[in-house]
Amino acid sequence: MSDSLHIVCPHCQAVNRLPAVRLNQAPNCGQCHRPLFEAHPLELSQATFQKHLTRNDIPLLVDFWAPWCGPCKVMAPQFNEAARLLEPKVRIAKVNTEAEQMLGAEYGIRSIPTLALFRGAREIARQAGAMGAQDIVRWVRSILDERS
């Protein structure tokens, strides 16, 4: 990990430069002063997705889902728990493919729920189907460990 990281604020979208050693110290945004991490998934839209993808120096885990999807509803609390376990080392986000159809199409989402893990603005892994919290955490950590 480098000496400093860029972290996009989930509230005001400001890009914060943060010393890497402060990542685990519940940092706040320099602009809006709200927490940079709240241990729950961030809802991303077409407008905010690219900024979080390209400007965060930490990996981004995205749950592509839809409100009508039964397995998505079952996985939602599991994904919330995974967020609590993975942040602040990974930014956790959700994209409602019903509302953000362009993002679903752009990333070739064929079934939901689909988890996509990004690092350095590139997709590095994908997993379709509902998973439990511990399985999500184990999957993410195994991908990040093998690529570090």
C-alpha atoms as a PDB file:
ATOM      1  CA  MET A   1       0.000   0.000   0.000  1.00  0.00           C
ATOM      2  CA  SER A   2       1.371   3.433  -0.850  1.00  0.00           C
ATOM      3  CA  ASP A   3       1.817   6.248   1.653  1.00  0.00           C
ATOM      4  CA  SER A   4      -1.491   7.886   0.738  1.00  0.00           C
ATOM      5  CA  LEU A   5      -4.763   6.783  -0.818  1.00  0.00           C
ATOM      6  CA  HIS A   6      -7.515   8.540  -2.718  1.00  0.00           C
ATOM      7  CA  ILE A   7     -10.934   7.737  -1.253  1.00  0.00           C
ATOM      8  CA  VAL A   8     -14.184   9.046  -2.756  1.00  0.00           C
ATOM      9  CA  CYS A   9     -16.673  10.309  -0.173  1.00  0.00           C
ATOM     10  CA  PRO A  10     -19.947   8.329  -0.333  1.00  0.00           C
ATOM     11  CA  HIS A  11     -21.884  11.477   0.621  1.00  0.00           C
ATOM     12  CA  CYS A  12     -20.517  14.440  -1.358  1.00  0.00           C
ATOM     13  CA  GLN A  13     -18.358  12.544  -3.910  1.00  0.00           C
ATOM     14  CA  ALA A  14     -15.252  14.587  -3.010  1.00  0.00           C
ATOM     15  CA  VAL A  15     -11.953  12.787  -3.555  1.00  0.00           C
ATOM     16  CA  ASN A  16     -10.019  12.689  -0.287  1.00  0.00           C
ATOM     17  CA  ARG A  17      -6.287  12.108  -0.013  1.00  0.00           C
ATOM     18  CA  LEU A  18      -5.765   9.989   3.060  1.00  0.00           C
ATOM     19  CA  PRO A  19      -2.563   8.670   4.625  1.00  0.00           C
ATOM     20  CA  ALA A  20      -2.755   4.873   4.289  1.00  0.00           C
ATOM     21  CA  VAL A  21      -2.143   4.467   8.024  1.00  0.00           C
ATOM     22  CA  ARG A  22      -5.387   6.371   8.710  1.00  0.00           C
ATOM     23  CA  LEU A  23      -7.588   4.014   6.691  1.00  0.00           C
ATOM     24  CA  ASN A  24      -8.565   1.988   9.780  1.00  0.00           C
ATOM     25  CA  GLN A  25      -9.103   5.061  11.987  1.00  0.00           C
ATOM     26  CA  ALA A  26     -12.699   5.914  10.906  1.00  0.00           C
ATOM     27  CA  PRO A  27     -11.658   8.844   8.686  1.00  0.00           C
ATOM     28  CA  ASN A  28     -14.062  11.639   7.754  1.00  0.00           C
ATOM     29  CA  CYS A  29     -14.358  13.524   4.478  1.00  0.00           C
ATOM     30  CA  GLY A  30     -12.317  16.713   4.349  1.00  0.00           C
ATOM     31  CA  GLN A  31     -15.134  18.502   2.522  1.00  0.00           C
ATOM     32  CA  CYS A  32     -18.426  17.414   4.148  1.00  0.00           C
ATOM     33  CA  HIS A  33     -16.905  15.985   7.369  1.00  0.00           C
ATOM     34  CA  ARG A  34     -19.081  12.853   7.219  1.00  0.00           C
ATOM     35  CA  PRO A  35     -17.592   9.339   7.571  1.00  0.00           C
ATOM     36  CA  LEU A  36     -15.808   7.935   4.522  1.00  0.00           C
ATOM     37  CA  PHE A  37     -16.909   4.446   5.601  1.00  0.00           C
ATOM     38  CA  GLU A  38     -20.123   3.442   7.343  1.00  0.00           C
ATOM     39  CA  ALA A  39     -19.910  -0.359   7.086  1.00  0.00           C
ATOM     40  CA  HIS A  40     -22.817  -0.667   4.690  1.00  0.00           C
ATOM     41  CA  PRO A  41     -23.114  -0.730   0.894  1.00  0.00           C
ATOM     42  CA  LEU A  42     -23.199   2.510  -1.038  1.00  0.00           C
ATOM     43  CA  GLU A  43     -25.907   2.848  -3.718  1.00  0.00           C
ATOM     44  CA  LEU A  44     -24.240   3.879  -6.970  1.00  0.00           C
ATOM     45  CA  SER A  45     -25.872   5.473  -9.998  1.00  0.00           C
ATOM     46  CA  GLN A  46     -24.654   6.082 -13.525  1.00  0.00           C
ATOM     47  CA  ALA A  47     -23.486   9.505 -12.300  1.00  0.00           C
ATOM     48  CA  THR A  48     -21.457   8.209  -9.325  1.00  0.00           C
ATOM     49  CA  PHE A  49     -20.263   4.790 -10.521  1.00  0.00           C
ATOM     50  CA  GLN A  50     -17.354   5.971 -12.682  1.00  0.00           C
ATOM     51  CA  LYS A  51     -15.970   8.259  -9.992  1.00  0.00           C
ATOM     52  CA  HIS A  52     -15.935   5.475  -7.409  1.00  0.00           C
ATOM     53  CA  LEU A  53     -14.488   3.064  -9.967  1.00  0.00           C
ATOM     54  CA  THR A  54     -11.689   5.311 -11.205  1.00  0.00           C
ATOM     55  CA  ARG A  55     -10.816   7.557  -8.257  1.00  0.00           C
ATOM     56  CA  ASN A  56     -10.776   5.143  -5.286  1.00  0.00           C
ATOM     57  CA  ASP A  57      -7.382   3.597  -4.572  1.00  0.00           C
ATOM     58  CA  ILE A  58      -9.020   0.684  -2.774  1.00  0.00           C
ATOM     59  CA  PRO A  59     -10.848  -2.188  -4.508  1.00  0.00           C
ATOM     60  CA  LEU A  60     -14.546  -1.746  -5.304  1.00  0.00           C
ATOM     61  CA  LEU A  61     -16.992  -4.627  -4.800  1.00  0.00           C
ATOM     62  CA  VAL A  62     -20.309  -4.106  -6.595  1.00  0.00           C
ATOM     63  CA  ASP A  63     -23.526  -6.076  -6.163  1.00  0.00           C
ATOM     64  CA  PHE A  64     -25.560  -5.783  -9.376  1.00  0.00           C
ATOM     65  CA  TRP A  65     -29.151  -6.474  -8.274  1.00  0.00           C
ATOM     66  CA  ALA A  66     -32.824  -5.608  -8.906  1.00  0.00           C
ATOM     67  CA  PRO A  67     -35.725  -5.045  -6.486  1.00  0.00           C
ATOM     68  CA  TRP A  68     -37.873  -7.772  -8.094  1.00  0.00           C
ATOM     69  CA  CYS A  69     -35.167 -10.445  -7.735  1.00  0.00           C
ATOM     70  CA  GLY A  70     -35.841 -12.974  -4.959  1.00  0.00           C
ATOM     71  CA  PRO A  71     -32.225 -14.174  -4.579  1.00  0.00           C
ATOM     72  CA  CYS A  72     -31.118 -10.511  -4.482  1.00  0.00           C
ATOM     73  CA  LYS A  73     -33.459  -9.871  -1.542  1.00  0.00           C
ATOM     74  CA  VAL A  74     -32.150 -12.960   0.236  1.00  0.00           C
ATOM     75  CA  MET A  75     -28.537 -11.878  -0.305  1.00  0.00           C
ATOM     76  CA  ALA A  76     -29.027  -8.224   0.708  1.00  0.00           C
ATOM     77  CA  PRO A  77     -28.520  -8.728   4.472  1.00  0.00           C
ATOM     78  CA  GLN A  78     -25.546 -10.997   3.724  1.00  0.00           C
ATOM     79  CA  PHE A  79     -23.991  -8.296   1.532  1.00  0.00           C
ATOM     80  CA  ASN A  80     -24.575  -5.748   4.308  1.00  0.00           C
ATOM     81  CA  GLU A  81     -22.719  -8.020   6.732  1.00  0.00           C
ATOM     82  CA  ALA A  82     -19.894  -8.488   4.215  1.00  0.00           C
ATOM     83  CA  ALA A  83     -19.604  -4.686   3.998  1.00  0.00           C
ATOM     84  CA  ARG A  84     -19.135  -4.524   7.757  1.00  0.00           C
ATOM     85  CA  LEU A  85     -16.362  -7.126   7.511  1.00  0.00           C
ATOM     86  CA  LEU A  86     -14.564  -5.811   4.398  1.00  0.00           C
ATOM     87  CA  GLU A  87     -14.579  -2.034   4.858  1.00  0.00           C
ATOM     88  CA  PRO A  88     -12.388   0.025   4.879  1.00  0.00           C
ATOM     89  CA  LYS A  89     -10.039  -2.181   2.837  1.00  0.00           C
ATOM     90  CA  VAL A  90     -12.704  -2.499   0.097  1.00  0.00           C
ATOM     91  CA  ARG A  91     -15.430  -0.022  -0.973  1.00  0.00           C
ATOM     92  CA  ILE A  92     -18.749  -1.894  -1.000  1.00  0.00           C
ATOM     93  CA  ALA A  93     -21.471  -0.758  -3.396  1.00  0.00           C
ATOM     94  CA  LYS A  94     -24.745  -1.787  -5.014  1.00  0.00           C
ATOM     95  CA  VAL A  95     -26.125  -0.998  -8.460  1.00  0.00           C
ATOM     96  CA  ASN A  96     -29.856  -1.414  -9.037  1.00  0.00           C
ATOM     97  CA  THR A  97     -29.884  -2.754 -12.605  1.00  0.00           C
ATOM     98  CA  GLU A  98     -33.572  -1.900 -12.948  1.00  0.00           C
ATOM     99  CA  ALA A  99     -32.862   1.800 -12.340  1.00  0.00           C
ATOM    100  CA  GLU A 100     -29.376   1.800 -13.903  1.00  0.00           C
ATOM    101  CA  GLN A 101     -29.923  -0.346 -16.997  1.00  0.00           C
ATOM    102  CA  MET A 102     -27.026   1.291 -18.869  1.00  0.00           C
ATOM    103  CA  LEU A 103     -24.548   0.145 -16.204  1.00  0.00           C
ATOM    104  CA  GLY A 104     -25.921  -3.386 -16.300  1.00  0.00           C
ATOM    105  CA  ALA A 105     -25.555  -3.428 -20.075  1.00  0.00           C
ATOM    106  CA  GLU A 106     -22.101  -1.815 -20.033  1.00  0.00           C
ATOM    107  CA  TYR A 107     -20.784  -4.497 -17.685  1.00  0.00           C
ATOM    108  CA  GLY A 108     -22.593  -7.365 -19.399  1.00  0.00           C
ATOM    109  CA  ILE A 109     -24.673  -8.361 -16.400  1.00  0.00           C
ATOM    110  CA  ARG A 110     -26.622 -11.427 -17.570  1.00  0.00           C
ATOM    111  CA  SER A 111     -27.983 -12.693 -14.256  1.00  0.00           C
ATOM    112  CA  ILE A 112     -28.540 -11.195 -10.855  1.00  0.00           C
ATOM    113  CA  PRO A 113     -27.311 -11.000  -8.254  1.00  0.00           C
ATOM    114  CA  THR A 114     -23.829 -10.676  -9.718  1.00  0.00           C
ATOM    115  CA  LEU A 115     -20.848  -9.518  -7.693  1.00  0.00           C
ATOM    116  CA  ALA A 116     -18.046  -7.788  -9.579  1.00  0.00           C
ATOM    117  CA  LEU A 117     -14.731  -6.910  -7.966  1.00  0.00           C
ATOM    118  CA  PHE A 118     -12.755  -4.017  -9.431  1.00  0.00           C
ATOM    119  CA  ARG A 119      -9.230  -2.811  -8.725  1.00  0.00           C
ATOM    120  CA  GLY A 120      -7.552   0.068 -10.482  1.00  0.00           C
ATOM    121  CA  ALA A 121     -10.696   0.690 -12.575  1.00  0.00           C
ATOM    122  CA  ARG A 122     -10.527  -2.851 -14.026  1.00  0.00           C
ATOM    123  CA  GLU A 123     -12.795  -5.782 -13.261  1.00  0.00           C
ATOM    124  CA  ILE A 124     -10.670  -8.523 -11.739  1.00  0.00           C
ATOM    125  CA  ALA A 125     -13.332 -11.068 -10.738  1.00  0.00           C
ATOM    126  CA  ARG A 126     -17.038 -11.839 -11.081  1.00  0.00           C
ATOM    127  CA  GLN A 127     -19.381 -14.204  -9.278  1.00  0.00           C
ATOM    128  CA  ALA A 128     -23.055 -14.773 -10.126  1.00  0.00           C
ATOM    129  CA  GLY A 129     -25.621 -16.041  -7.639  1.00  0.00           C
ATOM    130  CA  ALA A 130     -26.542 -15.370  -4.029  1.00  0.00           C
ATOM    131  CA  MET A 131     -23.822 -15.925  -1.429  1.00  0.00           C
ATOM    132  CA  GLY A 132     -23.596 -15.805   2.338  1.00  0.00           C
ATOM    133  CA  ALA A 133     -21.588 -13.073   4.081  1.00  0.00           C
ATOM    134  CA  GLN A 134     -18.652 -15.319   4.974  1.00  0.00           C
ATOM    135  CA  ASP A 135     -18.547 -16.699   1.417  1.00  0.00           C
ATOM    136  CA  ILE A 136     -18.484 -13.163  -0.007  1.00  0.00           C
ATOM    137  CA  VAL A 137     -15.673 -12.132   2.344  1.00  0.00           C
ATOM    138  CA  ARG A 138     -13.685 -15.310   1.634  1.00  0.00           C
ATOM    139  CA  TRP A 139     -14.134 -14.880  -2.151  1.00  0.00           C
ATOM    140  CA  VAL A 140     -13.029 -11.217  -2.115  1.00  0.00           C
ATOM    141  CA  ARG A 141     -10.040 -11.832   0.132  1.00  0.00           C
ATOM    142  CA  SER A 142      -8.897 -14.823  -1.935  1.00  0.00           C
ATOM    143  CA  ILE A 143      -9.002 -12.765  -5.151  1.00  0.00           C
ATOM    144  CA  LEU A 144      -7.188  -9.811  -3.583  1.00  0.00           C
ATOM    145  CA  ASP A 145      -4.578 -12.033  -1.902  1.00  0.00           C
ATOM    146  CA  GLU A 146      -3.721 -13.863  -5.130  1.00  0.00           C
ATOM    147  CA  ARG A 147      -3.338 -10.565  -7.006  1.00  0.00           C
ATOM    148  CA  SER A 148      -1.288  -8.628  -4.463  1.00  0.00           C
END
